[in-house]
C-alpha cells in the first residue's frame, strides 16, 4: 500500500468516525435504539410514543442499488494491519500512536432502519385492523407510510379527507400508513400479516422522515428493504415510490438535507417495470425554499398540500388500476 493510499484510508477512517459521532446532532440526540420523542414525525403536535414495543428482528435483505458497502472482517483486519505498519514507520509515529484509535477502521454499525420491529405507534389494535383489511377486504390501491400519508384521513383544512374524496372516492383504497412510524415499523407490519391476503394493483409508498437516528444512507436501505418486501408480497403490483417530502423552514434544515440525500439514493430503485420513483417535492417549495401547503411544523401537509399531492399522483395511480 502506497503512502498516498494509506493517507486516504486514514482520512476515510477519521471521516467515518466523525460522521458516526456527529450523527445525533442532526435533529435527534437519541441513540439508534432509543424510543422516539413524543410527537408525530419528530415535530408533529401529538404524543404517540415511537419506540419499539418488541425486540427488533433480523435485518431484512436490501437491494444492491441502495446497499451500504460493508467490508468483511478479513478486509477490516487487513486495512488495520496496513495502518499499523504505516504508523510504525512514520516520522510522526508518536503522534499517530497517540490517536491510533481514531485511525482504526471500524465495521459500519448495524442499521436499525432494516431491522423489523413493532414500533409503539403501530399498536396491536391498529395492526390487527390492517391484517383484517388485508385478509378480508377488496382494494385496488394500497397506501404505505407515516403521518403524512396517514392524515389523508383527517377532516378539515388541516387534513386530506376532502381531497381524498375528490380524487380517490370512487376507487377502493386501503391506507396502512401510521403516524410517527419508521421504515422498520412498516417492514414489521408487512412481515406480520399486513402483506397477506388481497393483492392490490397499485401501491404508493413514502417513508423515512421519522428515522431521525439514521443517516440518509441507512434510511435508503430501509426504504429499499420495504420495496423488496412489497415486491415479494405483491409481485403483480406497480409501486409508486415517492421521494420523501421536504421538511423544515429552509434548504439548510438538517432533516431536509438528509431527506434529499436519501431521495437521491432511493431513486436508483426505479426499474421502469414494477417500481417507479416520483419526486414531486418542487410542488411544495417556494423560491426561497420555504414550504408551501404545509402546517406550521413544516412537516405535515394542509388540504392545499394534499391537493397538490393528489393532482400529481392520481392520474398515474388510476391508470395502473384500469
Protein backbone atom coordinates (compact mmCIF):
# COMPACT_ATOMS: atom_id res chain seq x y z
CA UNK A 1 0.00 0.00 0.00
CA UNK A 2 1.45 3.37 -1.02
CA UNK A 3 1.75 6.30 1.35
CA UNK A 4 -0.86 8.22 -0.65
CA UNK A 5 -3.31 5.33 -0.47
CA UNK A 6 -2.80 4.91 3.24
CA UNK A 7 -3.27 8.60 3.93
CA UNK A 8 -6.55 8.37 2.03
CA UNK A 9 -7.51 5.38 4.14
CA UNK A 10 -6.70 7.26 7.33
CA UNK A 11 -8.78 10.22 6.20
CA UNK A 12 -11.74 7.95 5.46
CA UNK A 13 -11.43 6.36 8.87
CA UNK A 14 -11.45 9.78 10.54
CA UNK A 15 -14.40 10.90 8.41
CA UNK A 16 -16.34 7.75 9.29
CA UNK A 17 -15.73 8.29 12.98
CA UNK A 18 -16.78 11.93 12.74
CA UNK A 19 -19.97 11.01 10.86
CA UNK A 20 -20.99 8.42 13.43
CA UNK A 21 -20.17 10.71 16.33
CA UNK A 22 -21.95 13.69 14.84
CA UNK A 23 -24.99 11.78 13.69
CA UNK A 24 -27.01 12.54 16.78
CA UNK A 25 -26.69 16.28 16.29
CA UNK A 26 -28.86 16.07 13.17
CA UNK A 27 -32.16 16.80 14.80
CA UNK A 28 -32.35 13.76 17.11
CA UNK A 29 -29.94 13.32 20.02
CA UNK A 30 -31.15 9.85 20.89
CA UNK A 31 -29.19 6.67 20.08
CA UNK A 32 -30.46 4.30 17.41
CA UNK A 33 -32.34 2.02 19.80
CA UNK A 34 -34.00 4.77 21.82
CA UNK A 35 -37.70 5.50 21.81
CA UNK A 36 -38.79 8.43 19.68
CA UNK A 37 -39.79 11.60 21.48
CA UNK A 38 -43.47 12.37 21.70
CA UNK A 39 -44.99 13.83 18.56
CA UNK A 40 -45.57 12.61 15.06
CA UNK A 41 -42.66 12.88 12.70
CA UNK A 42 -40.22 14.23 15.31
CA UNK A 43 -42.01 17.53 15.03
CA UNK A 44 -45.71 16.81 14.97
CA UNK A 45 -48.09 18.02 17.59
CA UNK A 46 -49.50 14.97 19.34
CA UNK A 47 -47.90 12.50 21.65
CA UNK A 48 -47.66 8.93 20.43
CA UNK A 49 -44.58 7.03 21.60
CA UNK A 50 -42.50 5.98 18.64
CA UNK A 51 -40.18 3.49 20.30
CA UNK A 52 -40.23 -0.26 19.71
CA UNK A 53 -42.65 -2.47 21.61
CA UNK A 54 -40.73 -5.67 20.87
CA UNK A 55 -37.07 -6.51 20.18
CA UNK A 56 -36.11 -5.92 16.53
CA UNK A 57 -36.00 -8.89 14.20
CA UNK A 58 -33.05 -9.90 11.99
CA UNK A 59 -32.05 -7.40 9.30
CA UNK A 60 -34.15 -7.53 6.16
CA UNK A 61 -32.47 -8.01 2.77
CA UNK A 62 -31.59 -4.84 0.88
CA UNK A 63 -31.46 -4.21 -2.90
CA UNK A 64 -27.95 -3.84 -4.23
CA UNK A 65 -28.85 -0.42 -5.66
CA UNK A 66 -29.10 1.11 -2.19
CA UNK A 67 -26.87 -1.20 -0.13
CA UNK A 68 -24.17 0.42 2.02
CA UNK A 69 -20.74 -1.11 1.24
CA UNK A 70 -19.68 -3.20 4.23
CA UNK A 71 -16.19 -4.73 4.36
CA UNK A 72 -15.66 -8.26 5.56
CA UNK A 73 -13.90 -8.94 8.85
CA UNK A 74 -10.84 -10.07 6.89
CA UNK A 75 -10.78 -6.82 4.90
CA UNK A 76 -11.09 -4.80 8.11
CA UNK A 77 -8.17 -6.67 9.65
CA UNK A 78 -6.01 -6.24 6.56
CA UNK A 79 -6.67 -2.49 6.39
CA UNK A 80 -5.91 -2.03 10.08
CA UNK A 81 -2.69 -4.01 9.74
CA UNK A 82 -1.63 -1.66 6.96
CA UNK A 83 -2.45 1.27 9.22
CA UNK A 84 -0.24 -0.16 11.98
CA UNK A 85 2.59 -0.72 9.53
CA UNK A 86 2.33 2.84 8.29
CA UNK A 87 2.31 4.24 11.82
CA UNK A 88 5.36 2.17 12.79
CA UNK A 89 7.46 3.71 10.02
CA UNK A 90 6.07 7.24 10.00
CA UNK A 91 8.12 10.27 11.14
CA UNK A 92 5.02 11.17 13.15
CA UNK A 93 4.88 7.78 14.84
CA UNK A 94 4.40 9.15 18.36
CA UNK A 95 1.55 11.43 17.29
CA UNK A 96 -0.18 8.74 15.24
CA UNK A 97 0.12 6.21 18.06
CA UNK A 98 -1.46 8.72 20.43
CA UNK A 99 -4.56 8.87 18.23
CA UNK A 100 -4.41 5.37 16.76
CA UNK A 101 -7.93 4.56 17.96
CA UNK A 102 -9.25 7.33 15.69
CA UNK A 103 -7.43 5.85 12.72
CA UNK A 104 -8.64 2.30 13.16
CA UNK A 105 -11.12 1.22 10.50
CA UNK A 106 -14.37 0.10 12.12
CA UNK A 107 -17.12 -2.15 10.81
CA UNK A 108 -20.18 0.01 9.97
CA UNK A 109 -22.77 -0.12 12.73
CA UNK A 110 -25.84 -2.29 12.38
CA UNK A 111 -28.61 -0.46 10.54
CA UNK A 112 -31.73 -0.20 12.72
CA UNK A 113 -33.72 1.03 9.69
CA UNK A 114 -33.75 -2.50 8.23
CA UNK A 115 -34.46 -4.39 11.47
CA UNK A 116 -38.25 -5.03 11.52
CA UNK A 117 -39.90 -4.03 14.80
CA UNK A 118 -43.39 -3.27 16.06
CA UNK A 119 -42.99 0.40 16.86
CA UNK A 120 -45.02 1.98 19.61
CA UNK A 121 -47.23 3.85 17.14
CA UNK A 122 -48.12 0.69 15.21
CA UNK A 123 -50.28 -0.56 18.06
CA UNK A 124 -51.52 -4.14 18.18
CA UNK A 125 -55.11 -2.97 17.73
CA UNK A 126 -54.28 -0.95 14.62
CA UNK A 127 -52.02 -3.67 13.24
CA UNK A 128 -54.78 -6.26 13.71
CA UNK A 129 -57.18 -3.98 11.86
CA UNK A 130 -54.77 -3.76 8.92
CA UNK A 131 -54.40 -7.55 8.89
CA UNK A 132 -58.19 -7.87 8.85
CA UNK A 133 -58.43 -5.46 5.91
CA UNK A 134 -55.60 -7.23 4.08
CA UNK A 135 -57.22 -10.61 4.61
CA UNK A 136 -60.89 -9.90 4.01
CA UNK A 137 -61.28 -6.62 2.10
CA UNK A 138 -61.12 -5.76 -1.58
CA UNK A 139 -58.95 -2.81 -2.62
CA UNK A 140 -57.06 -1.75 -5.72
CA UNK A 141 -54.62 0.78 -4.22
CA UNK A 142 -52.55 0.47 -1.04
CA UNK A 143 -51.04 3.48 0.74
CA UNK A 144 -47.98 2.87 2.94
CA UNK A 145 -46.15 5.46 5.02
CA UNK A 146 -46.25 7.61 8.15
CA UNK A 147 -48.36 10.55 9.36
CA UNK A 148 -48.01 12.42 6.08
CA UNK A 149 -49.90 9.60 4.37
CA UNK A 150 -51.98 8.58 7.39
CA UNK A 151 -53.53 12.03 7.61
CA UNK A 152 -55.20 11.74 4.23
CA UNK A 153 -57.97 10.54 6.54
CA UNK A 154 -58.20 13.75 8.61
CA UNK A 155 -61.04 16.21 8.01
CA UNK A 156 -60.87 20.00 7.77
CA UNK A 157 -58.37 22.48 6.38
CA UNK A 158 -55.51 20.69 8.13
CA UNK A 159 -56.29 17.24 6.73
CA UNK A 160 -56.64 15.46 3.42
CA UNK A 161 -60.04 13.75 3.72
CA UNK A 162 -61.84 16.17 1.42
CA UNK A 163 -59.12 15.98 -1.22
CA UNK A 164 -59.03 12.19 -0.90
CA UNK A 165 -62.76 12.01 -1.55
CA UNK A 166 -62.44 14.17 -4.66
CA UNK A 167 -59.61 12.17 -6.21
CA UNK A 168 -59.98 8.64 -4.81
CA UNK A 169 -63.57 8.45 -3.57
CA UNK A 170 -64.67 6.31 -6.49
CA UNK A 171 -61.92 3.69 -6.12
CA UNK A 172 -61.04 1.13 -3.46
CA UNK A 173 -58.08 2.26 -1.35
CA UNK A 174 -56.55 0.76 1.79
CA UNK A 175 -54.40 3.12 3.88
CA UNK A 176 -51.94 1.23 6.12
CA UNK A 177 -49.85 4.32 6.95
CA UNK A 178 -49.25 5.03 10.64
CA UNK A 179 -48.46 8.46 12.04
CA UNK A 180 -44.99 8.52 13.57
CA UNK A 181 -43.82 5.28 12.00
CA UNK A 182 -40.44 4.40 10.52
CA UNK A 183 -39.06 2.07 7.86
CA UNK A 184 -38.60 -0.71 10.42
CA UNK A 185 -42.22 -0.37 11.55
CA UNK A 186 -43.57 -0.70 8.01
CA UNK A 187 -41.33 -3.73 7.48
CA UNK A 188 -42.65 -5.38 10.62
CA UNK A 189 -46.25 -4.79 9.61
CA UNK A 190 -45.77 -6.31 6.16
CA UNK A 191 -43.94 -9.32 7.57
CA UNK A 192 -46.61 -9.93 10.20
CA UNK A 193 -49.78 -10.17 8.17
CA UNK A 194 -50.32 -6.77 6.56
CA UNK A 195 -48.85 -8.08 3.32
CA UNK A 196 -51.03 -11.18 3.15
CA UNK A 197 -54.44 -11.77 1.61
CA UNK A 198 -55.69 -9.37 -1.04
CA UNK A 199 -53.27 -8.21 -3.72
CA UNK A 200 -53.57 -4.53 -4.74
CA UNK A 201 -52.83 -3.41 -8.27
CA UNK A 202 -51.01 -0.23 -7.20
CA UNK A 203 -49.05 0.85 -4.13
CA UNK A 204 -47.97 4.34 -3.10
CA UNK A 205 -45.06 4.36 -0.64
CA UNK A 206 -43.36 7.22 1.17
CA UNK A 207 -41.48 6.58 4.41
CA UNK A 208 -38.30 7.63 6.20
CA UNK A 209 -38.72 11.15 7.57
CA UNK A 210 -39.17 9.73 11.10
CA UNK A 211 -35.93 7.73 11.04
CA UNK A 212 -34.22 10.50 12.97
CA UNK A 213 -31.40 8.41 14.39
CA UNK A 214 -30.38 7.01 11.00
CA UNK A 215 -28.20 8.50 8.30
CA UNK A 216 -29.56 9.16 4.83
CA UNK A 217 -27.76 6.06 3.56
CA UNK A 218 -29.30 3.93 6.30
CA UNK A 219 -32.80 5.27 5.60
CA UNK A 220 -32.31 4.43 1.91
CA UNK A 221 -31.52 0.86 2.88
CA UNK A 222 -34.72 0.77 4.95
CA UNK A 223 -36.80 2.04 2.04
CA UNK A 224 -35.13 -0.48 -0.25
CA UNK A 225 -35.91 -3.32 2.16
CA UNK A 226 -39.60 -2.30 2.12
CA UNK A 227 -39.63 -2.23 -1.67
CA UNK A 228 -38.20 -5.77 -1.72
CA UNK A 229 -40.85 -6.90 0.75
CA UNK A 230 -43.62 -5.31 -1.32
CA UNK A 231 -42.30 -6.95 -4.48
CA UNK A 232 -42.32 -10.31 -2.70
CA UNK A 233 -45.83 -9.93 -1.28
CA UNK A 234 -47.40 -8.15 -4.28
CA UNK A 235 -45.44 -9.29 -7.35
CA UNK A 236 -48.02 -8.02 -9.83
CA UNK A 237 -48.49 -4.57 -8.30
CA UNK A 238 -46.88 -1.39 -9.56
CA UNK A 239 -45.16 0.60 -6.82
CA UNK A 240 -45.09 4.39 -6.83
CA UNK A 241 -42.07 5.20 -4.69
CA UNK A 242 -42.36 8.83 -3.66
CA UNK A 243 -39.40 10.97 -2.72
CA UNK A 244 -39.61 11.82 0.97
CA UNK A 245 -41.27 15.21 1.17
CA UNK A 246 -39.18 18.25 2.16
CA UNK A 247 -39.41 19.45 5.74
CA UNK A 248 -38.01 22.23 7.87
CA UNK A 249 -38.03 26.00 7.49
CA UNK A 250 -35.43 26.25 4.76
CA UNK A 251 -32.97 24.50 2.43
CA UNK A 252 -30.29 24.09 5.11
CA UNK A 253 -32.55 22.37 7.64
CA UNK A 254 -30.64 19.17 8.60
CA UNK A 255 -33.66 16.92 8.20
CA UNK A 256 -34.41 18.35 4.75
CA UNK A 257 -30.82 17.84 3.71
CA UNK A 258 -30.89 14.24 4.94
CA UNK A 259 -34.19 13.52 3.18
CA UNK A 260 -32.76 14.86 -0.06
CA UNK A 261 -29.72 12.65 0.39
CA UNK A 262 -32.00 9.65 0.89
CA UNK A 263 -34.06 10.56 -2.17
CA UNK A 264 -31.01 10.62 -4.43
CA UNK A 265 -30.21 7.07 -3.37
CA UNK A 266 -33.70 5.53 -3.49
CA UNK A 267 -34.23 6.96 -6.97
CA UNK A 268 -31.98 4.09 -8.11
CA UNK A 269 -34.75 1.63 -7.20
CA UNK A 270 -36.80 2.73 -10.22
CA UNK A 271 -36.71 -0.22 -12.62
CA UNK A 272 -39.29 1.10 -15.08
CA UNK A 273 -41.31 -2.11 -14.75
CA UNK A 274 -42.56 -2.61 -11.20
CA UNK A 275 -41.04 0.28 -9.22
CA UNK A 276 -41.44 3.89 -10.32
CA UNK A 277 -39.72 6.68 -8.40
CA UNK A 278 -41.58 10.01 -8.40
CA UNK A 279 -40.25 13.25 -6.96
CA UNK A 280 -42.95 15.93 -6.63
CA UNK A 281 -41.17 17.99 -3.98
CA UNK A 282 -40.89 21.08 -6.18
CA UNK A 283 -44.65 21.49 -5.81
CA UNK A 284 -44.20 22.19 -2.10
CA UNK A 285 -41.34 24.70 -2.20
CA UNK A 286 -41.25 28.46 -2.80
CA UNK A 287 -38.44 30.37 -4.48
CA UNK A 288 -36.56 30.74 -1.19
CA UNK A 289 -37.08 27.09 -0.24
CA UNK A 290 -39.98 27.80 2.11
CA UNK A 291 -42.71 25.18 2.49
CA UNK A 292 -45.98 25.72 0.59
CA UNK A 293 -49.20 23.97 1.58
CA UNK A 294 -47.83 22.67 4.87
CA UNK A 295 -48.68 23.24 8.51
CA UNK A 296 -46.60 25.42 10.79
CA UNK A 297 -44.49 22.40 11.74
CA UNK A 298 -43.07 22.40 8.17
CA UNK A 299 -43.68 18.67 8.02
CA UNK A 300 -47.38 17.84 7.53
CA UNK A 301 -49.44 18.98 4.52
CA UNK A 302 -52.59 21.04 4.81
CA UNK A 303 -55.52 20.49 2.46
CA UNK A 304 -53.64 22.72 -0.01
CA UNK A 305 -50.64 20.40 0.12
CA UNK A 306 -52.80 17.30 -0.22
CA UNK A 307 -54.46 18.87 -3.28
CA UNK A 308 -51.07 19.36 -4.96
CA UNK A 309 -50.05 15.83 -4.00
CA UNK A 310 -53.24 14.20 -5.27
CA UNK A 311 -53.18 16.12 -8.54
CA UNK A 312 -49.64 14.89 -9.16
CA UNK A 313 -50.14 11.19 -8.40
CA UNK A 314 -53.79 10.35 -9.06
CA UNK A 315 -53.57 10.12 -12.87
CA UNK A 316 -50.77 7.56 -12.70
CA UNK A 317 -52.35 5.52 -9.92
CA UNK A 318 -55.68 5.47 -11.73
CA UNK A 319 -54.05 4.33 -14.96
CA UNK A 320 -52.47 1.40 -13.10
CA UNK A 321 -55.74 0.01 -11.76
CA UNK A 322 -57.71 0.07 -15.01
